[in-house]
């Protein structure tokens, strides 16, 4: 974990595993779409896609 991570929300931290956990609990579809567009980790992006599908069901 980087020092700057302390000041960031979990969904924006440097560790992809922390971001994945944040995505699993996120209910803001707009934020999840931003994750899909901008996250550097393909696993985080895929999890965000699945989370949006869950929320729409």
C-alpha atoms as a PDB file:
ATOM      1  CA  UNK A   1       0.000   0.000   0.000  1.00  0.00           C
ATOM      2  CA  UNK A   2       1.237   3.408  -0.920  1.00  0.00           C
ATOM      3  CA  UNK A   3       1.206   6.213   1.617  1.00  0.00           C
ATOM      4  CA  UNK A   4      -1.144   8.228  -0.596  1.00  0.00           C
ATOM      5  CA  UNK A   5      -3.667   5.347  -0.446  1.00  0.00           C
ATOM      6  CA  UNK A   6      -4.531   6.436   3.086  1.00  0.00           C
ATOM      7  CA  UNK A   7      -6.286   9.485   1.645  1.00  0.00           C
ATOM      8  CA  UNK A   8      -8.114   7.706  -1.187  1.00  0.00           C
ATOM      9  CA  UNK A   9     -11.426   5.821  -1.172  1.00  0.00           C
ATOM     10  CA  UNK A  10     -10.932   2.060  -1.401  1.00  0.00           C
ATOM     11  CA  UNK A  11     -12.198   1.964  -4.974  1.00  0.00           C
ATOM     12  CA  UNK A  12      -9.283   4.218  -6.022  1.00  0.00           C
ATOM     13  CA  UNK A  13      -6.423   2.591  -4.103  1.00  0.00           C
ATOM     14  CA  UNK A  14      -3.330   1.135  -5.738  1.00  0.00           C
ATOM     15  CA  UNK A  15      -3.967  -2.493  -4.671  1.00  0.00           C
ATOM     16  CA  UNK A  16      -6.313  -4.253  -7.134  1.00  0.00           C
ATOM     17  CA  UNK A  17      -7.540  -6.629  -4.404  1.00  0.00           C
ATOM     18  CA  UNK A  18      -8.699  -3.682  -2.295  1.00  0.00           C
ATOM     19  CA  UNK A  19     -10.434  -2.183  -5.332  1.00  0.00           C
ATOM     20  CA  UNK A  20     -12.166  -5.512  -6.062  1.00  0.00           C
ATOM     21  CA  UNK A  21     -13.590  -5.635  -2.540  1.00  0.00           C
ATOM     22  CA  UNK A  22     -14.789  -2.056  -2.908  1.00  0.00           C
ATOM     23  CA  UNK A  23     -16.461  -2.857  -6.244  1.00  0.00           C
ATOM     24  CA  UNK A  24     -18.265  -5.841  -4.702  1.00  0.00           C
ATOM     25  CA  UNK A  25     -19.929  -3.504  -2.191  1.00  0.00           C
ATOM     26  CA  UNK A  26     -20.563  -0.549  -4.505  1.00  0.00           C
ATOM     27  CA  UNK A  27     -24.117   0.316  -5.529  1.00  0.00           C
ATOM     28  CA  UNK A  28     -23.418   3.492  -7.522  1.00  0.00           C
ATOM     29  CA  UNK A  29     -23.750   2.434 -11.175  1.00  0.00           C
ATOM     30  CA  UNK A  30     -22.182   5.664 -12.423  1.00  0.00           C
ATOM     31  CA  UNK A  31     -19.066   5.034 -10.336  1.00  0.00           C
ATOM     32  CA  UNK A  32     -18.908   1.404 -11.495  1.00  0.00           C
ATOM     33  CA  UNK A  33     -19.042   2.571 -15.117  1.00  0.00           C
ATOM     34  CA  UNK A  34     -16.069   4.845 -14.414  1.00  0.00           C
ATOM     35  CA  UNK A  35     -14.196   1.859 -13.000  1.00  0.00           C
ATOM     36  CA  UNK A  36     -14.910  -0.089 -16.207  1.00  0.00           C
ATOM     37  CA  UNK A  37     -13.606   2.779 -18.326  1.00  0.00           C
ATOM     38  CA  UNK A  38     -10.534   3.729 -16.296  1.00  0.00           C
ATOM     39  CA  UNK A  39      -9.245   0.938 -14.057  1.00  0.00           C
ATOM     40  CA  UNK A  40      -5.908  -0.535 -15.078  1.00  0.00           C
ATOM     41  CA  UNK A  41      -6.727  -4.050 -13.816  1.00  0.00           C
ATOM     42  CA  UNK A  42      -8.861  -6.246 -16.053  1.00  0.00           C
ATOM     43  CA  UNK A  43     -10.139  -8.238 -13.065  1.00  0.00           C
ATOM     44  CA  UNK A  44     -11.443  -5.106 -11.382  1.00  0.00           C
ATOM     45  CA  UNK A  45     -13.116  -3.988 -14.619  1.00  0.00           C
ATOM     46  CA  UNK A  46     -14.782  -7.377 -15.105  1.00  0.00           C
ATOM     47  CA  UNK A  47     -16.014  -7.419 -11.515  1.00  0.00           C
ATOM     48  CA  UNK A  48     -17.499  -3.938 -12.020  1.00  0.00           C
ATOM     49  CA  UNK A  49     -19.371  -5.209 -15.111  1.00  0.00           C
ATOM     50  CA  UNK A  50     -20.770  -8.126 -13.125  1.00  0.00           C
ATOM     51  CA  UNK A  51     -21.744  -5.849 -10.253  1.00  0.00           C
ATOM     52  CA  UNK A  52     -23.718  -3.587 -12.606  1.00  0.00           C
ATOM     53  CA  UNK A  53     -25.546  -6.659 -13.950  1.00  0.00           C
ATOM     54  CA  UNK A  54     -26.385  -7.718 -10.373  1.00  0.00           C
ATOM     55  CA  UNK A  55     -27.735  -4.279  -9.551  1.00  0.00           C
ATOM     56  CA  UNK A  56     -29.925  -4.212 -12.654  1.00  0.00           C
ATOM     57  CA  UNK A  57     -31.416  -7.664 -11.990  1.00  0.00           C
END
